[in-house]
Amino acid sequence: MMFFLSSAVAAVPAFSPIQVKPAPAVPPETVVSGVRSWPDDGRFEAAVARGSYQHPRLSGITFDLESSVVSGRPGTEQAGSGPLLHALGASAVVFFGRRGPRGVALRCPTRDLGIGAARRYEKLAARRAASAPLALAVAEAEWIDEGVEIDGTWWPVIVMERVEGRSLAGEVEQVLGKNPAGLRGLARDWAGFVAVLGAADVAHGDLQQNNIFVTGDGRLKAVDLDGVWLPAVAHLPPDETGHRHYQHPRRQRGDWGRTVDTFSALVIYLSLVALAADPDLWERYHNGENLVFTDEDLAHPDRTPLWDRLSSSPDPAVRQLVPLLRELCHGPADSGQDLASLLDRHRHARTEGLVRPASLTRTTEHDDVNHWWVDPEAPRPDPDAVWFAPSETDGATTLHEYGRTAADSRTDEDGGTVDGGGASSNMPRVLVLAAAVFVVVFIGALVGFLTVLGP
């Protein structure tokens, strides 16, 4: 099994040698246009390699090395003889190592993470220590103000648990290659994972394919915790707004709160269910930075080819979710509801005939009258409830159940999805009944009229 950890970084299927960049000849406190310039990944790598740290939490760590290839001699790869094993992201570089048998990841920010970064990590550590489910869902992380010394200046680092497993994108690709229907189980696990965060009053802030990992025992675990939300730091929003292919098209820095994850959670949920029903979506729409949706799709709901494809999915559950995501794209960046409540309310709205399932052709206008997000007083859904009720005729098992274990989720072979019925599926019966009543009334009226006329 490959070892990965990501900080808004793509999971690399095979580690390739990464050259250490020479430290640039600049003073330690470089200031550009009044803004402090942070060390880049090369300077951090050089400092970590020479052991320029002294905090007790960093002592005893042996950092892994990349494998290298002897120049001009293909096939002569030598394990552990290259530069430090690391992954580079948009805001940090992560070095991988071990302290005894335990894996460790050292996350070194390459830009300012904002005034509340240290406080967010502190409060998250306390919340994680108080919640066993949250500890299983979020990687351990500790902020250290004076972590690594570079040219006489100490820079903050985050010492993290090294999550061993596959990124969410890597897991999707793996399951698609073996049994695409297994993604239905992953979708169930995803809903459960998001519910765990909500139950702990935590929002990740940047849910996306490379910030979520699937461990060896099948559990989902979040990394890259720079933008996490908790009540104690609600007044300290981060400087980031999340990955563009997963976030609301109009999300801004102020859109940060308890339910900020709902939009990205639904994007991932719908993507998993859609891929289970139509695996070819992966080859057609996955670009390495997304599952199937791009920021262009989210900014123009129903006006890109992907929306057409999903609207004609062979799985009715996918077709029923399409109008829900479309509604979110047209609505506010933060709907004010968690994923479970959103799905539950959508199910009830369909049952009562308030929401139409997606048509099989692109629509030119949108029905945005039903702004369901304005009712925050609605009761929370039963976490053990099913999302769509099984049909009485087909006997298929329902797809979206909560409370499933990770061990069960990848092995489901049935996983059939069924149409919840709703007003649209009952419409033919209503029309037939109305026609019959009309005929009876018409005949009765006609007989009465003829009787009045007499012979």
Protein backbone atom coordinates (compact mmCIF):
# COMPACT_ATOMS: atom_id res chain seq x y z
CA MET A 1 0.00 0.00 0.00
CA MET A 2 1.30 3.44 -0.89
CA PHE A 3 1.83 6.06 1.80
CA PHE A 4 0.36 9.47 1.20
CA LEU A 5 -0.39 12.69 3.03
CA SER A 6 -1.77 15.75 1.35
CA SER A 7 -2.06 19.42 2.12
CA ALA A 8 -4.11 20.50 -0.86
CA VAL A 9 -1.60 18.39 -2.75
CA ALA A 10 -2.26 15.82 -5.41
CA ALA A 11 -1.59 12.27 -4.28
CA VAL A 12 1.26 10.92 -6.37
CA PRO A 13 0.89 7.25 -7.38
CA ALA A 14 4.61 6.68 -7.39
CA PHE A 15 7.21 8.92 -5.76
CA SER A 16 9.70 10.35 -8.21
CA PRO A 17 12.95 12.07 -7.30
CA ILE A 18 12.53 15.75 -6.47
CA GLN A 19 15.67 17.83 -6.53
CA VAL A 20 16.51 20.00 -3.53
CA LYS A 21 16.48 23.61 -4.59
CA PRO A 22 19.52 25.61 -3.49
CA ALA A 23 18.73 28.25 -0.90
CA PRO A 24 18.41 31.62 -2.64
CA ALA A 25 20.79 34.33 -1.56
CA VAL A 26 18.25 36.50 0.22
CA PRO A 27 18.18 37.83 3.76
CA PRO A 28 16.02 35.82 6.20
CA GLU A 29 13.44 38.58 6.61
CA THR A 30 12.80 39.36 2.94
CA VAL A 31 9.94 41.81 2.55
CA VAL A 32 8.24 42.32 -0.81
CA SER A 33 5.82 45.26 -1.11
CA GLY A 34 5.49 45.35 2.65
CA VAL A 35 4.63 41.63 2.90
CA ARG A 36 6.92 39.17 4.64
CA SER A 37 8.24 36.57 2.20
CA TRP A 38 8.11 32.98 3.42
CA PRO A 39 10.70 30.32 2.61
CA ASP A 40 9.91 28.11 -0.37
CA ASP A 41 9.93 24.32 -0.37
CA GLY A 42 13.62 24.14 -1.32
CA ARG A 43 14.77 26.22 1.64
CA PHE A 44 12.58 24.24 4.03
CA GLU A 45 13.92 20.98 2.62
CA ALA A 46 17.52 22.07 3.09
CA ALA A 47 16.81 23.14 6.69
CA VAL A 48 15.00 19.91 7.60
CA ALA A 49 17.73 17.82 5.96
CA ARG A 50 20.42 19.44 8.11
CA GLY A 51 18.32 19.14 11.28
CA SER A 52 17.62 22.83 11.89
CA TYR A 53 14.97 22.23 14.52
CA GLN A 54 14.99 21.74 18.28
CA HIS A 55 11.41 21.38 19.50
CA PRO A 56 10.85 18.17 21.52
CA ARG A 57 8.00 17.14 19.22
CA LEU A 58 10.50 17.03 16.35
CA SER A 59 13.19 15.06 18.11
CA GLY A 60 13.78 11.46 17.14
CA ILE A 61 12.20 11.74 13.69
CA THR A 62 13.96 9.96 10.83
CA PHE A 63 12.86 11.55 7.58
CA ASP A 64 12.37 9.30 4.57
CA LEU A 65 14.35 9.78 1.38
CA GLU A 66 13.20 9.56 -2.20
CA SER A 67 14.47 6.67 -4.25
CA SER A 68 16.95 7.70 -6.94
CA VAL A 69 18.17 6.37 -10.25
CA VAL A 70 21.85 6.19 -11.17
CA SER A 71 22.42 8.66 -14.00
CA GLY A 72 22.32 7.05 -17.43
CA ARG A 73 21.38 3.64 -16.05
CA PRO A 74 17.61 3.00 -16.18
CA GLY A 75 16.39 0.34 -13.79
CA THR A 76 19.03 1.15 -11.16
CA GLU A 77 16.63 2.71 -8.69
CA GLN A 78 18.08 2.90 -5.19
CA ALA A 79 15.59 3.20 -2.35
CA GLY A 80 16.25 5.92 0.19
CA SER A 81 19.21 7.50 -1.57
CA GLY A 82 17.65 10.67 -2.97
CA PRO A 83 16.34 13.93 -1.48
CA LEU A 84 13.77 14.06 1.31
CA LEU A 85 10.47 12.38 0.53
CA HIS A 86 7.92 15.16 0.33
CA ALA A 87 4.75 16.47 -1.28
CA LEU A 88 4.28 20.06 -2.38
CA GLY A 89 1.02 21.94 -2.25
CA ALA A 90 -0.25 25.45 -2.85
CA SER A 91 0.38 26.59 0.73
CA ALA A 92 2.84 24.14 2.28
CA VAL A 93 5.41 21.42 1.73
CA VAL A 94 5.08 18.18 3.70
CA PHE A 95 8.02 15.95 4.65
CA PHE A 96 7.44 12.33 5.62
CA GLY A 97 9.26 10.38 8.29
CA ARG A 98 8.95 8.10 11.28
CA ARG A 99 9.53 8.22 14.99
CA GLY A 100 10.01 4.59 15.87
CA PRO A 101 7.12 2.59 14.39
CA ARG A 102 4.85 5.62 14.06
CA GLY A 103 4.61 7.65 10.87
CA VAL A 104 5.05 11.42 11.12
CA ALA A 105 4.44 14.21 8.62
CA LEU A 106 6.03 17.65 9.00
CA ARG A 107 3.96 20.32 7.29
CA CYS A 108 5.87 23.54 6.59
CA PRO A 109 3.76 26.50 5.40
CA THR A 110 5.22 28.35 2.42
CA ARG A 111 2.86 31.31 2.87
CA ASP A 112 1.15 33.12 5.71
CA LEU A 113 -1.88 31.07 6.80
CA GLY A 114 -3.53 34.00 8.53
CA ILE A 115 -3.69 35.40 12.01
CA GLY A 116 -5.96 32.64 13.32
CA ALA A 117 -4.04 29.61 12.05
CA ALA A 118 -2.32 28.70 15.32
CA ARG A 119 -5.54 29.20 17.27
CA ARG A 120 -7.52 27.00 14.87
CA TYR A 121 -5.05 24.14 15.24
CA GLU A 122 -5.04 24.54 19.03
CA LYS A 123 -8.82 24.38 19.31
CA LEU A 124 -9.06 21.50 16.85
CA ALA A 125 -6.56 19.47 18.89
CA ALA A 126 -8.67 20.01 22.01
CA ARG A 127 -11.90 19.07 20.23
CA ARG A 128 -10.27 15.99 18.70
CA ALA A 129 -9.01 14.84 22.11
CA ALA A 130 -12.57 15.06 23.47
CA SER A 131 -14.23 13.13 20.62
CA ALA A 132 -13.20 9.59 19.69
CA PRO A 133 -15.21 9.63 16.42
CA LEU A 134 -13.59 12.92 15.41
CA ALA A 135 -10.13 11.53 16.22
CA LEU A 136 -10.79 8.75 13.72
CA ALA A 137 -11.98 11.19 11.06
CA VAL A 138 -9.36 13.95 11.35
CA ALA A 139 -5.58 13.58 11.39
CA GLU A 140 -3.73 14.53 14.56
CA ALA A 141 -1.99 17.88 14.16
CA GLU A 142 -0.04 20.26 16.41
CA TRP A 143 1.06 23.80 15.57
CA ILE A 144 4.61 24.74 16.63
CA ASP A 145 5.50 28.43 16.44
CA GLU A 146 9.28 27.95 16.40
CA GLY A 147 9.57 24.85 14.29
CA VAL A 148 12.36 25.13 11.72
CA GLU A 149 15.22 27.63 11.68
CA ILE A 150 16.31 29.17 8.37
CA ASP A 151 19.08 31.78 8.28
CA GLY A 152 18.52 32.78 11.88
CA THR A 153 14.73 33.01 11.68
CA TRP A 154 12.34 30.48 13.19
CA TRP A 155 9.33 29.50 11.10
CA PRO A 156 6.13 27.73 12.24
CA VAL A 157 5.42 24.12 11.29
CA ILE A 158 2.64 21.61 11.93
CA VAL A 159 3.58 18.17 13.20
CA MET A 160 0.98 15.74 11.91
CA GLU A 161 -0.02 12.14 11.94
CA ARG A 162 1.15 10.45 8.76
CA VAL A 163 -2.00 9.07 7.20
CA GLU A 164 -1.30 5.80 5.45
CA GLY A 165 -3.65 4.91 2.65
CA ARG A 166 -4.97 6.28 -0.61
CA SER A 167 -6.33 9.70 -1.41
CA LEU A 168 -10.04 9.81 -2.16
CA ALA A 169 -9.19 10.17 -5.86
CA GLY A 170 -6.85 7.20 -5.66
CA GLU A 171 -9.49 5.11 -3.93
CA VAL A 172 -12.09 6.00 -6.56
CA GLU A 173 -9.73 4.94 -9.33
CA GLN A 174 -8.92 1.71 -7.51
CA VAL A 175 -12.58 0.80 -6.95
CA LEU A 176 -13.50 1.70 -10.53
CA GLY A 177 -10.90 -0.75 -11.77
CA LYS A 178 -12.25 -3.62 -9.68
CA ASN A 179 -15.95 -3.10 -8.97
CA PRO A 180 -17.53 0.28 -9.83
CA ALA A 181 -20.65 -0.59 -7.82
CA GLY A 182 -18.42 -0.44 -4.74
CA LEU A 183 -18.49 3.34 -5.03
CA ARG A 184 -22.03 3.19 -3.64
CA GLY A 185 -20.52 1.96 -0.40
CA LEU A 186 -17.93 4.73 -0.54
CA ALA A 187 -20.76 7.25 -0.98
CA ARG A 188 -22.42 5.88 2.19
CA ASP A 189 -19.14 6.15 4.06
CA TRP A 190 -18.75 9.70 2.79
CA ALA A 191 -22.15 10.71 4.16
CA GLY A 192 -21.22 9.12 7.49
CA PHE A 193 -17.84 10.88 7.56
CA VAL A 194 -19.42 14.28 6.95
CA ALA A 195 -21.97 13.55 9.68
CA VAL A 196 -19.16 12.83 12.17
CA LEU A 197 -17.62 16.24 11.51
CA GLY A 198 -20.99 17.92 11.95
CA ALA A 199 -21.74 16.05 15.17
CA ALA A 200 -18.45 17.35 16.60
CA ASP A 201 -19.34 20.91 15.52
CA VAL A 202 -16.43 20.99 13.10
CA ALA A 203 -16.21 21.95 9.43
CA HIS A 204 -13.14 21.17 7.37
CA GLY A 205 -13.40 24.14 5.02
CA ASP A 206 -11.72 22.53 2.00
CA LEU A 207 -13.20 19.10 1.32
CA GLN A 208 -11.71 17.78 -1.90
CA GLN A 209 -10.22 14.63 -3.37
CA ASN A 210 -6.67 15.12 -2.08
CA ASN A 211 -7.54 16.26 1.45
CA ILE A 212 -9.40 13.04 2.28
CA PHE A 213 -7.69 9.67 2.60
CA VAL A 214 -8.98 6.14 2.85
CA THR A 215 -6.92 4.20 5.39
CA GLY A 216 -6.03 0.53 5.29
CA ASP A 217 -9.07 -0.37 7.39
CA GLY A 218 -11.40 1.54 5.06
CA ARG A 219 -11.91 4.66 7.16
CA LEU A 220 -12.03 8.16 5.74
CA LYS A 221 -9.66 10.66 7.35
CA ALA A 222 -9.15 14.37 6.65
CA VAL A 223 -5.81 16.16 6.33
CA ASP A 224 -4.88 19.76 5.41
CA LEU A 225 -6.61 21.42 8.33
CA ASP A 226 -5.63 25.05 7.72
CA GLY A 227 -9.20 26.18 7.05
CA VAL A 228 -11.04 24.23 9.75
CA TRP A 229 -14.03 25.89 11.44
CA LEU A 230 -14.95 25.52 15.12
CA PRO A 231 -17.19 27.76 17.25
CA ALA A 232 -14.22 29.04 19.26
CA VAL A 233 -12.52 30.42 16.15
CA ALA A 234 -15.59 31.51 14.20
CA HIS A 235 -14.26 35.08 14.28
CA LEU A 236 -10.95 34.05 12.67
CA PRO A 237 -11.68 32.99 9.09
CA PRO A 238 -8.79 31.61 7.02
CA ASP A 239 -7.39 33.30 3.94
CA GLU A 240 -8.50 30.47 1.65
CA THR A 241 -11.84 29.49 0.18
CA GLY A 242 -11.14 25.89 -0.83
CA HIS A 243 -10.52 24.06 -4.09
CA ARG A 244 -12.31 25.68 -7.02
CA HIS A 245 -13.62 22.38 -8.45
CA TYR A 246 -15.43 21.57 -5.18
CA GLN A 247 -16.58 24.90 -3.79
CA HIS A 248 -19.60 27.07 -4.50
CA PRO A 249 -18.88 29.33 -7.50
CA ARG A 250 -19.56 32.45 -5.44
CA ARG A 251 -17.92 31.45 -2.17
CA GLN A 252 -15.92 34.27 -0.57
CA ARG A 253 -13.75 34.53 2.50
CA GLY A 254 -16.73 35.43 4.68
CA ASP A 255 -18.58 32.26 3.66
CA TRP A 256 -17.19 30.21 6.51
CA GLY A 257 -19.23 28.54 9.22
CA ARG A 258 -20.73 25.37 10.64
CA THR A 259 -22.26 24.25 7.33
CA VAL A 260 -19.63 25.56 4.92
CA ASP A 261 -18.79 21.96 3.92
CA THR A 262 -22.28 21.11 2.67
CA PHE A 263 -21.79 22.21 -0.92
CA SER A 264 -18.49 20.38 -1.45
CA ALA A 265 -19.86 17.36 0.43
CA LEU A 266 -22.78 17.13 -2.00
CA VAL A 267 -20.48 17.58 -5.01
CA ILE A 268 -18.42 14.58 -3.84
CA TYR A 269 -21.49 12.54 -2.86
CA LEU A 270 -23.18 13.02 -6.22
CA SER A 271 -19.90 12.33 -8.04
CA LEU A 272 -19.45 8.98 -6.27
CA VAL A 273 -23.02 7.84 -6.91
CA ALA A 274 -22.80 8.96 -10.54
CA LEU A 275 -19.51 7.12 -11.12
CA ALA A 276 -20.95 3.94 -9.63
CA ALA A 277 -23.73 4.03 -12.23
CA ASP A 278 -21.65 5.33 -15.15
CA PRO A 279 -17.91 4.52 -14.74
CA ASP A 280 -17.08 6.09 -18.13
CA LEU A 281 -17.57 9.49 -16.50
CA TRP A 282 -14.08 9.09 -15.01
CA GLU A 283 -12.30 8.90 -18.35
CA ARG A 284 -14.43 11.68 -19.82
CA TYR A 285 -14.54 14.25 -17.02
CA HIS A 286 -11.78 13.50 -14.46
CA ASN A 287 -8.85 15.87 -15.05
CA GLY A 288 -6.56 15.03 -12.12
CA GLU A 289 -7.87 17.86 -9.93
CA ASN A 290 -11.51 16.80 -9.66
CA LEU A 291 -13.75 13.75 -9.57
CA VAL A 292 -16.15 14.77 -12.35
CA PHE A 293 -17.28 18.36 -11.71
CA THR A 294 -15.19 21.42 -12.58
CA ASP A 295 -15.63 25.01 -11.51
CA GLU A 296 -17.10 25.69 -14.96
CA ASP A 297 -19.82 23.08 -14.36
CA LEU A 298 -20.65 24.51 -10.94
CA ALA A 299 -20.74 28.09 -12.24
CA HIS A 300 -23.10 27.15 -15.11
CA PRO A 301 -25.50 24.48 -13.86
CA ASP A 302 -27.40 22.69 -16.63
CA ARG A 303 -25.35 24.47 -19.28
CA THR A 304 -22.37 22.13 -19.68
CA PRO A 305 -22.22 18.60 -21.15
CA LEU A 306 -21.74 17.01 -17.72
CA TRP A 307 -25.17 18.14 -16.54
CA ASP A 308 -26.74 16.55 -19.61
CA ARG A 309 -24.89 13.32 -18.93
CA LEU A 310 -25.94 13.19 -15.28
CA SER A 311 -29.54 14.09 -16.11
CA SER A 312 -29.72 10.96 -18.27
CA SER A 313 -27.93 8.68 -15.80
CA PRO A 314 -29.18 5.08 -15.67
CA ASP A 315 -29.48 5.49 -11.89
CA PRO A 316 -32.65 7.33 -10.76
CA ALA A 317 -30.85 8.40 -7.58
CA VAL A 318 -28.41 10.41 -9.68
CA ARG A 319 -31.20 12.03 -11.69
CA GLN A 320 -32.95 12.93 -8.44
CA LEU A 321 -29.81 14.57 -7.00
CA VAL A 322 -29.12 16.71 -10.06
CA PRO A 323 -31.81 19.33 -9.33
CA LEU A 324 -30.64 19.52 -5.72
CA LEU A 325 -27.08 20.42 -6.68
CA ARG A 326 -28.40 22.77 -9.34
CA GLU A 327 -30.47 24.53 -6.66
CA LEU A 328 -27.40 24.89 -4.46
CA CYS A 329 -25.39 26.35 -7.33
CA HIS A 330 -28.06 29.05 -7.80
CA GLY A 331 -28.45 29.65 -4.06
CA PRO A 332 -26.15 31.18 -1.43
CA ALA A 333 -22.62 29.85 -0.95
CA ASP A 334 -23.57 28.47 2.48
CA SER A 335 -26.99 26.82 2.47
CA GLY A 336 -27.18 26.76 6.27
CA GLN A 337 -27.92 23.02 6.33
CA ASP A 338 -25.76 19.95 6.82
CA LEU A 339 -25.63 17.22 4.19
CA ALA A 340 -27.96 14.80 5.99
CA SER A 341 -30.62 17.47 6.54
CA LEU A 342 -30.29 18.60 2.94
CA LEU A 343 -30.80 15.11 1.54
CA ASP A 344 -33.64 14.39 3.92
CA ARG A 345 -35.45 17.61 3.06
CA HIS A 346 -34.98 16.97 -0.65
CA ARG A 347 -36.47 13.50 -0.25
CA HIS A 348 -39.54 14.92 1.49
CA ALA A 349 -39.87 17.71 -1.08
CA ARG A 350 -39.91 15.13 -3.86
CA THR A 351 -42.47 13.03 -2.05
CA GLU A 352 -44.73 16.07 -1.71
CA GLY A 353 -44.27 17.04 -5.36
CA LEU A 354 -42.29 20.23 -4.65
CA VAL A 355 -39.20 19.22 -6.62
CA ARG A 356 -39.07 17.69 -10.07
CA PRO A 357 -36.45 15.07 -10.95
CA ALA A 358 -34.02 16.14 -13.66
CA SER A 359 -35.34 15.87 -17.16
CA LEU A 360 -33.45 13.94 -19.81
CA THR A 361 -32.75 17.11 -21.79
CA ARG A 362 -31.15 20.36 -20.80
CA THR A 363 -33.52 22.95 -19.37
CA THR A 364 -33.31 26.56 -20.44
CA GLU A 365 -34.87 28.05 -17.33
CA HIS A 366 -34.57 27.21 -13.65
CA ASP A 367 -37.19 26.99 -10.96
CA ASP A 368 -35.56 28.88 -8.12
CA VAL A 369 -38.78 29.70 -6.27
CA ASN A 370 -38.40 26.96 -3.67
CA HIS A 371 -35.68 28.49 -1.49
CA TRP A 372 -35.63 25.76 1.10
CA TRP A 373 -32.56 27.14 2.85
CA VAL A 374 -34.56 29.87 4.59
CA ASP A 375 -36.02 27.45 7.14
CA PRO A 376 -33.26 26.72 9.69
CA GLU A 377 -35.80 25.54 12.29
CA ALA A 378 -36.56 22.25 10.57
CA PRO A 379 -35.91 19.15 12.74
CA ARG A 380 -32.74 17.13 12.13
CA PRO A 381 -33.26 13.87 10.20
CA ASP A 382 -33.08 10.44 11.73
CA PRO A 383 -29.42 9.35 11.13
CA ASP A 384 -30.56 5.73 10.74
CA ALA A 385 -33.19 6.51 8.15
CA VAL A 386 -32.93 5.52 4.50
CA TRP A 387 -32.92 8.22 1.88
CA PHE A 388 -35.09 6.66 -0.83
CA ALA A 389 -37.73 4.10 0.07
CA PRO A 390 -37.43 0.79 -1.86
CA SER A 391 -40.02 0.09 -4.52
CA GLU A 392 -42.62 -2.55 -3.63
CA THR A 393 -42.16 -4.22 -7.00
CA ASP A 394 -38.46 -4.46 -7.70
CA GLY A 395 -37.22 -5.51 -4.25
CA ALA A 396 -33.94 -3.63 -4.75
CA THR A 397 -31.98 -2.57 -1.71
CA THR A 398 -31.79 1.11 -0.93
CA LEU A 399 -28.53 2.86 -1.65
CA HIS A 400 -28.29 5.65 0.84
CA GLU A 401 -28.33 4.25 4.36
CA TYR A 402 -26.61 5.89 7.29
CA GLY A 403 -24.84 4.07 10.08
CA ARG A 404 -23.03 1.58 7.85
CA THR A 405 -19.53 0.48 8.90
CA ALA A 406 -16.49 1.08 6.73
CA ALA A 407 -15.80 -2.65 6.52
CA ASP A 408 -19.23 -3.29 4.95
CA SER A 409 -19.17 -0.42 2.52
CA ARG A 410 -16.72 -1.64 -0.13
CA THR A 411 -18.21 -5.12 -0.45
CA ASP A 412 -21.79 -4.29 -1.41
CA GLU A 413 -22.65 -5.96 -4.67
CA ASP A 414 -26.38 -5.25 -4.71
CA GLY A 415 -26.37 -1.54 -3.88
CA GLY A 416 -29.34 -1.06 -6.20
CA THR A 417 -30.90 2.34 -6.28
CA VAL A 418 -34.59 2.89 -6.65
CA ASP A 419 -36.83 5.78 -7.54
CA GLY A 420 -38.42 7.18 -4.43
CA GLY A 421 -41.69 7.52 -6.29
CA GLY A 422 -42.64 11.06 -5.39
CA ALA A 423 -45.28 13.03 -7.20
CA SER A 424 -43.79 12.48 -10.64
CA SER A 425 -43.97 8.68 -10.46
CA ASN A 426 -47.59 8.79 -9.24
CA MET A 427 -48.68 11.18 -11.98
CA PRO A 428 -49.92 8.53 -14.48
CA ARG A 429 -52.23 7.01 -11.83
CA VAL A 430 -53.59 10.45 -10.96
CA LEU A 431 -54.33 11.21 -14.60
CA VAL A 432 -56.10 7.89 -15.14
CA LEU A 433 -58.20 8.41 -12.00
CA ALA A 434 -59.10 11.95 -13.01
CA ALA A 435 -60.11 10.79 -16.48
CA ALA A 436 -62.32 8.05 -15.04
CA VAL A 437 -64.06 10.50 -12.70
CA PHE A 438 -64.63 12.88 -15.60
CA VAL A 439 -66.21 10.15 -17.75
CA VAL A 440 -68.56 9.06 -14.94
CA VAL A 441 -69.63 12.64 -14.24
CA PHE A 442 -70.14 13.34 -17.94
CA ILE A 443 -72.26 10.25 -18.48
CA GLY A 444 -74.33 11.04 -15.38
CA ALA A 445 -74.93 14.57 -16.58
CA LEU A 446 -75.85 13.37 -20.05
CA VAL A 447 -78.37 10.85 -18.68
CA GLY A 448 -79.90 13.51 -16.49
CA PHE A 449 -80.21 15.89 -19.40
CA LEU A 450 -81.91 13.28 -21.60
CA THR A 451 -84.31 12.43 -18.77
CA VAL A 452 -85.36 16.07 -18.46
CA LEU A 453 -86.05 16.33 -22.16
CA GLY A 454 -88.23 13.24 -22.05
CA PRO A 455 -89.57 11.35 -25.08
